[in-house]
Amino acid sequence: MVQVTRKDEKEANENIIRRFNRKVLQSGVLSTAKTRMRFEKAMSKSDRRKKAIIRKERKAEKTAKMRLGIR
């Protein structure tokens, strides 16, 4: 959904921005986008743990390479 805000003849830019922000908040576009960003598919505990272990290993490798000056 695209929000269109047109400028009236003697309207200040701050008022246009304020009107646009109000329209966006009232439409609910941002809230739906944020909820979709945070959505995670159903996953078992063991799978979550495995992914966490892999993340920690990668982070440890990255920090070790940084300490050595290797990319």
PDB file of N, CA and C in Angstrom:
ATOM      1  N   MET A   1       0.841  -1.168   0.000  1.00  0.00           N
ATOM      2  CA  MET A   1       0.000   0.000   0.000  1.00  0.00           C
ATOM      3  C   MET A   1       0.892   1.239   0.000  1.00  0.00           C
ATOM      4  N   VAL A   2       0.718   2.091  -0.966  1.00  0.00           N
ATOM      5  CA  VAL A   2       1.529   3.292  -1.111  1.00  0.00           C
ATOM      6  C   VAL A   2       0.775   4.483  -0.529  1.00  0.00           C
ATOM      7  N   GLN A   3       1.473   5.250   0.301  1.00  0.00           N
ATOM      8  CA  GLN A   3       0.876   6.449   0.886  1.00  0.00           C
ATOM      9  C   GLN A   3       1.283   7.651   0.051  1.00  0.00           C
ATOM     10  N   VAL A   4       0.303   8.402  -0.423  1.00  0.00           N
ATOM     11  CA  VAL A   4       0.574   9.579  -1.240  1.00  0.00           C
ATOM     12  C   VAL A   4       0.162  10.805  -0.456  1.00  0.00           C
ATOM     13  N   THR A   5       1.075  11.775  -0.365  1.00  0.00           N
ATOM     14  CA  THR A   5       0.789  13.031   0.315  1.00  0.00           C
ATOM     15  C   THR A   5       1.168  14.157  -0.629  1.00  0.00           C
ATOM     16  N   ARG A   6       0.187  14.983  -0.957  1.00  0.00           N
ATOM     17  CA  ARG A   6       0.443  16.088  -1.878  1.00  0.00           C
ATOM     18  C   ARG A   6       0.558  17.383  -1.089  1.00  0.00           C
ATOM     19  N   LYS A   7       1.382  18.270  -1.600  1.00  0.00           N
ATOM     20  CA  LYS A   7       1.616  19.545  -0.932  1.00  0.00           C
ATOM     21  C   LYS A   7       0.538  20.555  -1.331  1.00  0.00           C
ATOM     22  N   ASP A   8      -0.022  21.224  -0.317  1.00  0.00           N
ATOM     23  CA  ASP A   8      -0.931  22.331  -0.596  1.00  0.00           C
ATOM     24  C   ASP A   8      -0.095  23.553  -0.956  1.00  0.00           C
ATOM     25  N   GLU A   9      -0.744  24.619  -1.414  1.00  0.00           N
ATOM     26  CA  GLU A   9      -0.001  25.770  -1.941  1.00  0.00           C
ATOM     27  C   GLU A   9       0.945  26.412  -0.932  1.00  0.00           C
ATOM     28  N   LYS A  10       0.458  26.804   0.232  1.00  0.00           N
ATOM     29  CA  LYS A  10       1.297  27.525   1.194  1.00  0.00           C
ATOM     30  C   LYS A  10       1.585  26.674   2.430  1.00  0.00           C
ATOM     31  N   GLU A  11       1.874  25.399   2.208  1.00  0.00           N
ATOM     32  CA  GLU A  11       2.100  24.495   3.334  1.00  0.00           C
ATOM     33  C   GLU A  11       3.598  24.284   3.550  1.00  0.00           C
ATOM     34  N   ALA A  12       4.012  24.267   4.802  1.00  0.00           N
ATOM     35  CA  ALA A  12       5.424  24.075   5.139  1.00  0.00           C
ATOM     36  C   ALA A  12       5.797  22.595   4.990  1.00  0.00           C
ATOM     37  N   ASN A  13       7.078  22.357   4.763  1.00  0.00           N
ATOM     38  CA  ASN A  13       7.553  20.989   4.574  1.00  0.00           C
ATOM     39  C   ASN A  13       7.356  20.144   5.834  1.00  0.00           C
ATOM     40  N   GLU A  14       7.508  20.764   7.010  1.00  0.00           N
ATOM     41  CA  GLU A  14       7.335  20.022   8.257  1.00  0.00           C
ATOM     42  C   GLU A  14       5.913  19.482   8.378  1.00  0.00           C
ATOM     43  N   ASN A  15       4.939  20.284   7.928  1.00  0.00           N
ATOM     44  CA  ASN A  15       3.547  19.840   7.991  1.00  0.00           C
ATOM     45  C   ASN A  15       3.295  18.661   7.054  1.00  0.00           C
ATOM     46  N   ILE A  16       3.931  18.695   5.892  1.00  0.00           N
ATOM     47  CA  ILE A  16       3.775  17.582   4.945  1.00  0.00           C
ATOM     48  C   ILE A  16       4.336  16.311   5.552  1.00  0.00           C
ATOM     49  N   ILE A  17       5.509  16.398   6.145  1.00  0.00           N
ATOM     50  CA  ILE A  17       6.140  15.229   6.761  1.00  0.00           C
ATOM     51  C   ILE A  17       5.273  14.704   7.902  1.00  0.00           C
ATOM     52  N   ARG A  18       4.733  15.611   8.700  1.00  0.00           N
ATOM     53  CA  ARG A  18       3.884  15.221   9.821  1.00  0.00           C
ATOM     54  C   ARG A  18       2.629  14.501   9.323  1.00  0.00           C
ATOM     55  N   ARG A  19       1.993  15.037   8.262  1.00  0.00           N
ATOM     56  CA  ARG A  19       0.800  14.400   7.704  1.00  0.00           C
ATOM     57  C   ARG A  19       1.125  13.016   7.150  1.00  0.00           C
ATOM     58  N   PHE A  20       2.268  12.918   6.449  1.00  0.00           N
ATOM     59  CA  PHE A  20       2.677  11.631   5.882  1.00  0.00           C
ATOM     60  C   PHE A  20       2.902  10.603   6.986  1.00  0.00           C
ATOM     61  N   ASN A  21       3.627  10.999   8.035  1.00  0.00           N
ATOM     62  CA  ASN A  21       3.890  10.075   9.140  1.00  0.00           C
ATOM     63  C   ASN A  21       2.591   9.618   9.794  1.00  0.00           C
ATOM     64  N   ARG A  22       1.653  10.530   9.971  1.00  0.00           N
ATOM     65  CA  ARG A  22       0.367  10.180  10.574  1.00  0.00           C
ATOM     66  C   ARG A  22      -0.382   9.172   9.705  1.00  0.00           C
ATOM     67  N   LYS A  23      -0.370   9.384   8.378  1.00  0.00           N
ATOM     68  CA  LYS A  23      -1.050   8.457   7.463  1.00  0.00           C
ATOM     69  C   LYS A  23      -0.427   7.068   7.532  1.00  0.00           C
ATOM     70  N   VAL A  24       0.896   7.027   7.571  1.00  0.00           N
ATOM     71  CA  VAL A  24       1.584   5.735   7.609  1.00  0.00           C
ATOM     72  C   VAL A  24       1.251   5.006   8.905  1.00  0.00           C
ATOM     73  N   LEU A  25       1.268   5.724  10.030  1.00  0.00           N
ATOM     74  CA  LEU A  25       0.951   5.088  11.303  1.00  0.00           C
ATOM     75  C   LEU A  25      -0.487   4.590  11.338  1.00  0.00           C
ATOM     76  N   GLN A  26      -1.407   5.368  10.819  1.00  0.00           N
ATOM     77  CA  GLN A  26      -2.810   4.979  10.836  1.00  0.00           C
ATOM     78  C   GLN A  26      -3.097   3.807   9.907  1.00  0.00           C
ATOM     79  N   SER A  27      -2.349   3.695   8.814  1.00  0.00           N
ATOM     80  CA  SER A  27      -2.593   2.608   7.871  1.00  0.00           C
ATOM     81  C   SER A  27      -2.124   1.264   8.423  1.00  0.00           C
ATOM     82  N   GLY A  28      -1.129   1.270   9.332  1.00  0.00           N
ATOM     83  CA  GLY A  28      -0.648   0.023   9.930  1.00  0.00           C
ATOM     84  C   GLY A  28       0.376  -0.693   9.094  1.00  0.00           C
ATOM     85  N   VAL A  29       0.960  -0.035   8.116  1.00  0.00           N
ATOM     86  CA  VAL A  29       1.946  -0.670   7.240  1.00  0.00           C
ATOM     87  C   VAL A  29       3.198  -1.045   8.025  1.00  0.00           C
ATOM     88  N   LEU A  30       3.671  -0.131   8.865  1.00  0.00           N
ATOM     89  CA  LEU A  30       4.894  -0.394   9.624  1.00  0.00           C
ATOM     90  C   LEU A  30       4.712  -1.530  10.620  1.00  0.00           C
ATOM     91  N   SER A  31       3.579  -1.572  11.302  1.00  0.00           N
ATOM     92  CA  SER A  31       3.366  -2.619  12.299  1.00  0.00           C
ATOM     93  C   SER A  31       3.321  -3.998  11.653  1.00  0.00           C
ATOM     94  N   THR A  32       2.677  -4.109  10.493  1.00  0.00           N
ATOM     95  CA  THR A  32       2.638  -5.412   9.824  1.00  0.00           C
ATOM     96  C   THR A  32       4.028  -5.812   9.328  1.00  0.00           C
ATOM     97  N   ALA A  33       4.795  -4.860   8.847  1.00  0.00           N
ATOM     98  CA  ALA A  33       6.150  -5.170   8.380  1.00  0.00           C
ATOM     99  C   ALA A  33       7.020  -5.642   9.536  1.00  0.00           C
ATOM    100  N   LYS A  34       6.889  -4.993  10.693  1.00  0.00           N
ATOM    101  CA  LYS A  34       7.690  -5.384  11.857  1.00  0.00           C
ATOM    102  C   LYS A  34       7.300  -6.772  12.354  1.00  0.00           C
ATOM    103  N   THR A  35       6.009  -7.083  12.368  1.00  0.00           N
ATOM    104  CA  THR A  35       5.602  -8.418  12.810  1.00  0.00           C
ATOM    105  C   THR A  35       6.096  -9.486  11.847  1.00  0.00           C
ATOM    106  N   ARG A  36       6.123  -9.194  10.561  1.00  0.00           N
ATOM    107  CA  ARG A  36       6.637 -10.168   9.596  1.00  0.00           C
ATOM    108  C   ARG A  36       8.143 -10.342   9.731  1.00  0.00           C
ATOM    109  N   MET A  37       8.847  -9.275  10.113  1.00  0.00           N
ATOM    110  CA  MET A  37      10.287  -9.387  10.309  1.00  0.00           C
ATOM    111  C   MET A  37      10.604 -10.317  11.480  1.00  0.00           C
ATOM    112  N   ARG A  38       9.811 -10.234  12.535  1.00  0.00           N
ATOM    113  CA  ARG A  38      10.090 -11.001  13.749  1.00  0.00           C
ATOM    114  C   ARG A  38       9.552 -12.415  13.697  1.00  0.00           C
ATOM    115  N   PHE A  39       8.770 -12.765  12.694  1.00  0.00           N
ATOM    116  CA  PHE A  39       8.143 -14.077  12.631  1.00  0.00           C
ATOM    117  C   PHE A  39       9.183 -15.159  12.422  1.00  0.00           C
ATOM    118  N   GLU A  40       9.079 -16.223  13.219  1.00  0.00           N
ATOM    119  CA  GLU A  40       9.960 -17.373  13.053  1.00  0.00           C
ATOM    120  C   GLU A  40       9.101 -18.610  12.822  1.00  0.00           C
ATOM    121  N   LYS A  41       9.550 -19.446  11.937  1.00  0.00           N
ATOM    122  CA  LYS A  41       8.833 -20.682  11.691  1.00  0.00           C
ATOM    123  C   LYS A  41       8.980 -21.594  12.900  1.00  0.00           C
ATOM    124  N   ALA A  42       8.035 -22.496  13.088  1.00  0.00           N
ATOM    125  CA  ALA A  42       8.087 -23.434  14.190  1.00  0.00           C
ATOM    126  C   ALA A  42       9.317 -24.324  14.036  1.00  0.00           C
ATOM    127  N   MET A  43      10.071 -24.444  15.136  1.00  0.00           N
ATOM    128  CA  MET A  43      11.306 -25.213  15.088  1.00  0.00           C
ATOM    129  C   MET A  43      11.474 -25.934  16.426  1.00  0.00           C
ATOM    130  N   SER A  44      11.986 -27.141  16.385  1.00  0.00           N
ATOM    131  CA  SER A  44      12.163 -27.886  17.623  1.00  0.00           C
ATOM    132  C   SER A  44      13.334 -27.312  18.421  1.00  0.00           C
ATOM    133  N   LYS A  45      13.372 -27.653  19.712  1.00  0.00           N
ATOM    134  CA  LYS A  45      14.424 -27.137  20.584  1.00  0.00           C
ATOM    135  C   LYS A  45      15.799 -27.624  20.122  1.00  0.00           C
ATOM    136  N   SER A  46      15.863 -28.871  19.693  1.00  0.00           N
ATOM    137  CA  SER A  46      17.159 -29.416  19.283  1.00  0.00           C
ATOM    138  C   SER A  46      17.690 -28.678  18.054  1.00  0.00           C
ATOM    139  N   ASP A  47      16.810 -28.355  17.108  1.00  0.00           N
ATOM    140  CA  ASP A  47      17.241 -27.614  15.923  1.00  0.00           C
ATOM    141  C   ASP A  47      17.733 -26.223  16.311  1.00  0.00           C
ATOM    142  N   ARG A  48      17.002 -25.568  17.236  1.00  0.00           N
ATOM    143  CA  ARG A  48      17.410 -24.246  17.694  1.00  0.00           C
ATOM    144  C   ARG A  48      18.782 -24.292  18.356  1.00  0.00           C
ATOM    145  N   ARG A  49      19.001 -25.323  19.167  1.00  0.00           N
ATOM    146  CA  ARG A  49      20.300 -25.474  19.842  1.00  0.00           C
ATOM    147  C   ARG A  49      21.417 -25.683  18.828  1.00  0.00           C
ATOM    148  N   LYS A  50      21.155 -26.532  17.819  1.00  0.00           N
ATOM    149  CA  LYS A  50      22.167 -26.787  16.792  1.00  0.00           C
ATOM    150  C   LYS A  50      22.548 -25.501  16.072  1.00  0.00           C
ATOM    151  N   LYS A  51      21.536 -24.699  15.729  1.00  0.00           N
ATOM    152  CA  LYS A  51      21.815 -23.434  15.047  1.00  0.00           C
ATOM    153  C   LYS A  51      22.599 -22.492  15.944  1.00  0.00           C
ATOM    154  N   ALA A  52      22.271 -22.471  17.234  1.00  0.00           N
ATOM    155  CA  ALA A  52      22.986 -21.605  18.173  1.00  0.00           C
ATOM    156  C   ALA A  52      24.443 -22.027  18.300  1.00  0.00           C
ATOM    157  N   ILE A  53      24.688 -23.335  18.319  1.00  0.00           N
ATOM    158  CA  ILE A  53      26.058 -23.837  18.409  1.00  0.00           C
ATOM    159  C   ILE A  53      26.844 -23.440  17.162  1.00  0.00           C
ATOM    160  N   ILE A  54      26.240 -23.573  16.011  1.00  0.00           N
ATOM    161  CA  ILE A  54      26.902 -23.196  14.753  1.00  0.00           C
ATOM    162  C   ILE A  54      27.216 -21.709  14.748  1.00  0.00           C
ATOM    163  N   ARG A  55      26.255 -20.868  15.211  1.00  0.00           N
ATOM    164  CA  ARG A  55      26.482 -19.422  15.279  1.00  0.00           C
ATOM    165  C   ARG A  55      27.661 -19.089  16.185  1.00  0.00           C
ATOM    166  N   LYS A  56      27.726 -19.743  17.347  1.00  0.00           N
ATOM    167  CA  LYS A  56      28.825 -19.485  18.282  1.00  0.00           C
ATOM    168  C   LYS A  56      30.169 -19.889  17.691  1.00  0.00           C
ATOM    169  N   GLU A  57      30.202 -21.026  16.993  1.00  0.00           N
ATOM    170  CA  GLU A  57      31.440 -21.484  16.364  1.00  0.00           C
ATOM    171  C   GLU A  57      31.905 -20.495  15.294  1.00  0.00           C
ATOM    172  N   ARG A  58      30.972 -20.023  14.458  1.00  0.00           N
ATOM    173  CA  ARG A  58      31.329 -19.064  13.410  1.00  0.00           C
ATOM    174  C   ARG A  58      31.836 -17.767  14.010  1.00  0.00           C
ATOM    175  N   LYS A  59      31.184 -17.313  15.081  1.00  0.00           N
ATOM    176  CA  LYS A  59      31.606 -16.076  15.724  1.00  0.00           C
ATOM    177  C   LYS A  59      33.007 -16.235  16.321  1.00  0.00           C
ATOM    178  N   ALA A  60      33.279 -17.397  16.925  1.00  0.00           N
ATOM    179  CA  ALA A  60      34.596 -17.653  17.501  1.00  0.00           C
ATOM    180  C   ALA A  60      35.663 -17.663  16.401  1.00  0.00           C
ATOM    181  N   GLU A  61      35.361 -18.280  15.264  1.00  0.00           N
ATOM    182  CA  GLU A  61      36.303 -18.291  14.145  1.00  0.00           C
ATOM    183  C   GLU A  61      36.572 -16.873  13.645  1.00  0.00           C
ATOM    184  N   LYS A  62      35.521 -16.097  13.543  1.00  0.00           N
ATOM    185  CA  LYS A  62      35.664 -14.729  13.053  1.00  0.00           C
ATOM    186  C   LYS A  62      36.524 -13.889  13.989  1.00  0.00           C
ATOM    187  N   THR A  63      36.280 -14.001  15.296  1.00  0.00           N
ATOM    188  CA  THR A  63      37.082 -13.217  16.248  1.00  0.00           C
ATOM    189  C   THR A  63      38.527 -13.680  16.257  1.00  0.00           C
ATOM    190  N   ALA A  64      38.750 -14.990  16.104  1.00  0.00           N
ATOM    191  CA  ALA A  64      40.118 -15.496  16.054  1.00  0.00           C
ATOM    192  C   ALA A  64      40.856 -14.968  14.834  1.00  0.00           C
ATOM    193  N   LYS A  65      40.179 -14.929  13.690  1.00  0.00           N
ATOM    194  CA  LYS A  65      40.791 -14.395  12.479  1.00  0.00           C
ATOM    195  C   LYS A  65      41.080 -12.905  12.628  1.00  0.00           C
ATOM    196  N   MET A  66      40.173 -12.181  13.272  1.00  0.00           N
ATOM    197  CA  MET A  66      40.388 -10.749  13.479  1.00  0.00           C
ATOM    198  C   MET A  66      41.613 -10.499  14.340  1.00  0.00           C
ATOM    199  N   ARG A  67      41.800 -11.335  15.369  1.00  0.00           N
ATOM    200  CA  ARG A  67      42.955 -11.184  16.259  1.00  0.00           C
ATOM    201  C   ARG A  67      44.261 -11.435  15.508  1.00  0.00           C
ATOM    202  N   LEU A  68      44.219 -12.359  14.565  1.00  0.00           N
ATOM    203  CA  LEU A  68      45.410 -12.673  13.782  1.00  0.00           C
ATOM    204  C   LEU A  68      45.621 -11.688  12.632  1.00  0.00           C
ATOM    205  N   GLY A  69      44.617 -10.895  12.336  1.00  0.00           N
ATOM    206  CA  GLY A  69      44.726  -9.934  11.253  1.00  0.00           C
ATOM    207  C   GLY A  69      44.379 -10.512   9.903  1.00  0.00           C
ATOM    208  N   ILE A  70      43.677 -11.645   9.895  1.00  0.00           N
ATOM    209  CA  ILE A  70      43.257 -12.299   8.660  1.00  0.00           C
ATOM    210  C   ILE A  70      41.782 -12.010   8.464  1.00  0.00           C
ATOM    211  N   ARG A  71      41.410 -11.846   7.215  1.00  0.00           N
ATOM    212  CA  ARG A  71      39.980 -11.616   6.967  1.00  0.00           C
ATOM    213  C   ARG A  71      39.218 -12.872   6.849  1.00  0.00           C
TER     214      ARG A  71
END
